[in-house]
């Protein structure tokens, strides 16, 4: 019983180390924009333009996001495209790290329950 408690404690320490690393990464994030960067194609509507008879229209860099169950899309000016790509990548990385943090917290909760049971079982022997 004792060796399994040591094993559980070792696992908990490893998870806590991973958790600390994730928290440092999350707290180091200084800028991000919620949303997804992409390219949208649309026709301009001018009858003499090439896009009038084409399958796709003019390409537009855009960002899409949702707030309060409402979807938004905004065209990004060319001079802001690289910045928006970086900011949306920061957001995606932040959300991924948060998901991993939730998973680690759940693993820690399960291992703590296991450790509690092991310690209680070991202590009962003294009754």
C-alpha atoms as a PDB file:
ATOM      1  CA  UNK A   1       0.000   0.000   0.000  1.00  0.00           C
ATOM      2  CA  UNK A   2       2.811   2.398   0.872  1.00  0.00           C
ATOM      3  CA  UNK A   3       4.585   2.030  -2.493  1.00  0.00           C
ATOM      4  CA  UNK A   4       1.400   2.934  -4.365  1.00  0.00           C
ATOM      5  CA  UNK A   5       1.064   6.077  -2.216  1.00  0.00           C
ATOM      6  CA  UNK A   6       4.637   7.042  -3.132  1.00  0.00           C
ATOM      7  CA  UNK A   7       3.831   6.377  -6.792  1.00  0.00           C
ATOM      8  CA  UNK A   8       0.722   8.564  -6.535  1.00  0.00           C
ATOM      9  CA  UNK A   9       2.709  11.344  -4.870  1.00  0.00           C
ATOM     10  CA  UNK A  10       5.334  11.154  -7.637  1.00  0.00           C
ATOM     11  CA  UNK A  11       2.609  11.433 -10.277  1.00  0.00           C
ATOM     12  CA  UNK A  12       1.097  14.407  -8.418  1.00  0.00           C
ATOM     13  CA  UNK A  13       4.456  16.191  -8.300  1.00  0.00           C
ATOM     14  CA  UNK A  14       4.958  15.699 -12.055  1.00  0.00           C
ATOM     15  CA  UNK A  15       1.477  17.023 -12.784  1.00  0.00           C
ATOM     16  CA  UNK A  16       2.046  19.988 -10.483  1.00  0.00           C
ATOM     17  CA  UNK A  17       5.240  20.796 -12.381  1.00  0.00           C
ATOM     18  CA  UNK A  18       3.360  20.682 -15.708  1.00  0.00           C
ATOM     19  CA  UNK A  19       0.634  22.828 -14.180  1.00  0.00           C
ATOM     20  CA  UNK A  20       3.169  25.441 -13.033  1.00  0.00           C
ATOM     21  CA  UNK A  21       4.705  25.593 -16.522  1.00  0.00           C
ATOM     22  CA  UNK A  22       1.279  26.066 -18.113  1.00  0.00           C
ATOM     23  CA  UNK A  23       0.376  28.804 -15.641  1.00  0.00           C
ATOM     24  CA  UNK A  24       3.609  30.671 -16.383  1.00  0.00           C
ATOM     25  CA  UNK A  25       2.858  30.479 -20.109  1.00  0.00           C
ATOM     26  CA  UNK A  26      -0.706  31.687 -19.599  1.00  0.00           C
ATOM     27  CA  UNK A  27       0.351  34.572 -17.378  1.00  0.00           C
ATOM     28  CA  UNK A  28       3.078  35.591 -19.847  1.00  0.00           C
ATOM     29  CA  UNK A  29       0.482  36.305 -22.551  1.00  0.00           C
ATOM     30  CA  UNK A  30       0.197  40.078 -22.915  1.00  0.00           C
ATOM     31  CA  UNK A  31      -1.843  40.504 -26.116  1.00  0.00           C
ATOM     32  CA  UNK A  32      -4.374  38.422 -28.016  1.00  0.00           C
ATOM     33  CA  UNK A  33      -7.510  38.799 -30.073  1.00  0.00           C
ATOM     34  CA  UNK A  34     -10.410  36.393 -29.850  1.00  0.00           C
ATOM     35  CA  UNK A  35     -11.245  35.030 -33.258  1.00  0.00           C
ATOM     36  CA  UNK A  36     -10.049  33.220 -36.338  1.00  0.00           C
ATOM     37  CA  UNK A  37      -8.084  34.763 -39.164  1.00  0.00           C
ATOM     38  CA  UNK A  38      -8.980  33.718 -42.709  1.00  0.00           C
ATOM     39  CA  UNK A  39      -9.477  34.795 -46.285  1.00  0.00           C
ATOM     40  CA  UNK A  40     -12.943  35.460 -47.604  1.00  0.00           C
ATOM     41  CA  UNK A  41     -13.838  35.847 -51.294  1.00  0.00           C
ATOM     42  CA  UNK A  42     -16.666  38.085 -52.445  1.00  0.00           C
ATOM     43  CA  UNK A  43     -17.869  39.685 -55.596  1.00  0.00           C
ATOM     44  CA  UNK A  44     -17.830  43.461 -55.755  1.00  0.00           C
ATOM     45  CA  UNK A  45     -21.099  43.695 -57.708  1.00  0.00           C
ATOM     46  CA  UNK A  46     -19.734  45.682 -60.642  1.00  0.00           C
ATOM     47  CA  UNK A  47     -20.971  44.173 -63.932  1.00  0.00           C
ATOM     48  CA  UNK A  48     -17.733  45.042 -65.765  1.00  0.00           C
ATOM     49  CA  UNK A  49     -15.414  43.482 -63.153  1.00  0.00           C
ATOM     50  CA  UNK A  50     -13.758  40.099 -63.702  1.00  0.00           C
ATOM     51  CA  UNK A  51     -15.443  38.754 -60.569  1.00  0.00           C
ATOM     52  CA  UNK A  52     -18.915  39.173 -62.065  1.00  0.00           C
ATOM     53  CA  UNK A  53     -18.605  35.916 -64.021  1.00  0.00           C
ATOM     54  CA  UNK A  54     -16.002  34.179 -61.848  1.00  0.00           C
ATOM     55  CA  UNK A  55     -16.718  31.412 -59.351  1.00  0.00           C
ATOM     56  CA  UNK A  56     -14.983  33.340 -56.576  1.00  0.00           C
ATOM     57  CA  UNK A  57     -14.624  37.049 -56.014  1.00  0.00           C
ATOM     58  CA  UNK A  58     -11.947  39.328 -54.653  1.00  0.00           C
ATOM     59  CA  UNK A  59      -9.927  37.970 -51.695  1.00  0.00           C
ATOM     60  CA  UNK A  60     -10.322  39.809 -48.385  1.00  0.00           C
ATOM     61  CA  UNK A  61      -8.372  39.101 -45.206  1.00  0.00           C
ATOM     62  CA  UNK A  62     -10.801  38.848 -42.345  1.00  0.00           C
ATOM     63  CA  UNK A  63     -11.250  37.912 -38.715  1.00  0.00           C
ATOM     64  CA  UNK A  64     -14.339  36.120 -37.383  1.00  0.00           C
ATOM     65  CA  UNK A  65     -15.416  35.783 -33.770  1.00  0.00           C
ATOM     66  CA  UNK A  66     -18.460  35.249 -31.598  1.00  0.00           C
ATOM     67  CA  UNK A  67     -19.674  37.373 -28.702  1.00  0.00           C
ATOM     68  CA  UNK A  68     -22.819  36.649 -26.710  1.00  0.00           C
ATOM     69  CA  UNK A  69     -23.999  34.077 -29.282  1.00  0.00           C
ATOM     70  CA  UNK A  70     -23.627  36.586 -32.145  1.00  0.00           C
ATOM     71  CA  UNK A  71     -21.115  36.043 -34.954  1.00  0.00           C
ATOM     72  CA  UNK A  72     -19.009  38.907 -36.266  1.00  0.00           C
ATOM     73  CA  UNK A  73     -16.657  39.262 -39.225  1.00  0.00           C
ATOM     74  CA  UNK A  74     -14.395  42.188 -39.954  1.00  0.00           C
ATOM     75  CA  UNK A  75     -12.175  42.873 -42.968  1.00  0.00           C
ATOM     76  CA  UNK A  76      -8.547  43.423 -41.963  1.00  0.00           C
ATOM     77  CA  UNK A  77      -6.517  46.163 -43.679  1.00  0.00           C
ATOM     78  CA  UNK A  78      -3.373  44.860 -45.418  1.00  0.00           C
ATOM     79  CA  UNK A  79      -1.074  46.709 -42.989  1.00  0.00           C
ATOM     80  CA  UNK A  80      -2.657  44.885 -40.015  1.00  0.00           C
ATOM     81  CA  UNK A  81      -2.732  41.330 -41.431  1.00  0.00           C
ATOM     82  CA  UNK A  82       0.491  40.047 -39.850  1.00  0.00           C
ATOM     83  CA  UNK A  83      -0.366  41.590 -36.482  1.00  0.00           C
ATOM     84  CA  UNK A  84      -3.847  40.021 -36.513  1.00  0.00           C
ATOM     85  CA  UNK A  85      -2.366  36.628 -37.446  1.00  0.00           C
ATOM     86  CA  UNK A  86      -0.021  36.802 -34.441  1.00  0.00           C
ATOM     87  CA  UNK A  87      -2.768  37.986 -32.067  1.00  0.00           C
ATOM     88  CA  UNK A  88      -5.220  35.254 -33.129  1.00  0.00           C
ATOM     89  CA  UNK A  89      -2.421  32.656 -32.830  1.00  0.00           C
ATOM     90  CA  UNK A  90      -1.784  33.936 -29.283  1.00  0.00           C
ATOM     91  CA  UNK A  91      -5.480  33.465 -28.522  1.00  0.00           C
ATOM     92  CA  UNK A  92      -5.473  29.916 -29.903  1.00  0.00           C
ATOM     93  CA  UNK A  93      -2.342  29.050 -27.906  1.00  0.00           C
ATOM     94  CA  UNK A  94      -3.930  30.553 -24.755  1.00  0.00           C
ATOM     95  CA  UNK A  95      -7.133  28.531 -25.195  1.00  0.00           C
ATOM     96  CA  UNK A  96      -5.161  25.323 -25.829  1.00  0.00           C
ATOM     97  CA  UNK A  97      -3.122  25.904 -22.671  1.00  0.00           C
ATOM     98  CA  UNK A  98      -6.304  26.528 -20.663  1.00  0.00           C
ATOM     99  CA  UNK A  99      -7.748  23.238 -21.916  1.00  0.00           C
ATOM    100  CA  UNK A 100      -4.574  21.392 -20.914  1.00  0.00           C
ATOM    101  CA  UNK A 101      -4.704  23.087 -17.515  1.00  0.00           C
ATOM    102  CA  UNK A 102      -8.286  21.861 -16.967  1.00  0.00           C
ATOM    103  CA  UNK A 103      -7.223  18.320 -17.920  1.00  0.00           C
ATOM    104  CA  UNK A 104      -4.265  18.416 -15.523  1.00  0.00           C
ATOM    105  CA  UNK A 105      -6.467  19.759 -12.723  1.00  0.00           C
ATOM    106  CA  UNK A 106      -8.857  16.855 -13.286  1.00  0.00           C
ATOM    107  CA  UNK A 107      -5.974  14.357 -13.189  1.00  0.00           C
ATOM    108  CA  UNK A 108      -4.749  15.958  -9.962  1.00  0.00           C
ATOM    109  CA  UNK A 109      -8.247  15.707  -8.455  1.00  0.00           C
ATOM    110  CA  UNK A 110      -8.441  11.997  -9.321  1.00  0.00           C
ATOM    111  CA  UNK A 111      -4.973  11.293  -7.920  1.00  0.00           C
ATOM    112  CA  UNK A 112      -5.756  13.195  -4.712  1.00  0.00           C
ATOM    113  CA  UNK A 113      -8.866  11.072  -4.254  1.00  0.00           C
ATOM    114  CA  UNK A 114      -6.726   7.979  -4.815  1.00  0.00           C
ATOM    115  CA  UNK A 115      -4.098   9.211  -2.349  1.00  0.00           C
ATOM    116  CA  UNK A 116      -6.758   9.954   0.239  1.00  0.00           C
ATOM    117  CA  UNK A 117      -8.077   6.400  -0.062  1.00  0.00           C
ATOM    118  CA  UNK A 118      -4.574   4.940   0.238  1.00  0.00           C
ATOM    119  CA  UNK A 119      -3.748   6.996   3.331  1.00  0.00           C
ATOM    120  CA  UNK A 120      -7.073   6.183   4.989  1.00  0.00           C
ATOM    121  CA  UNK A 121      -6.634   2.465   4.282  1.00  0.00           C
ATOM    122  CA  UNK A 122      -3.106   2.535   5.651  1.00  0.00           C
ATOM    123  CA  UNK A 123      -4.164   4.440   8.763  1.00  0.00           C
ATOM    124  CA  UNK A 124      -7.091   2.061   9.460  1.00  0.00           C
ATOM    125  CA  UNK A 125      -4.565  -0.660  10.197  1.00  0.00           C
ATOM    126  CA  UNK A 126      -3.799   1.069  13.483  1.00  0.00           C
ATOM    127  CA  UNK A 127      -7.365   0.768  14.776  1.00  0.00           C
END
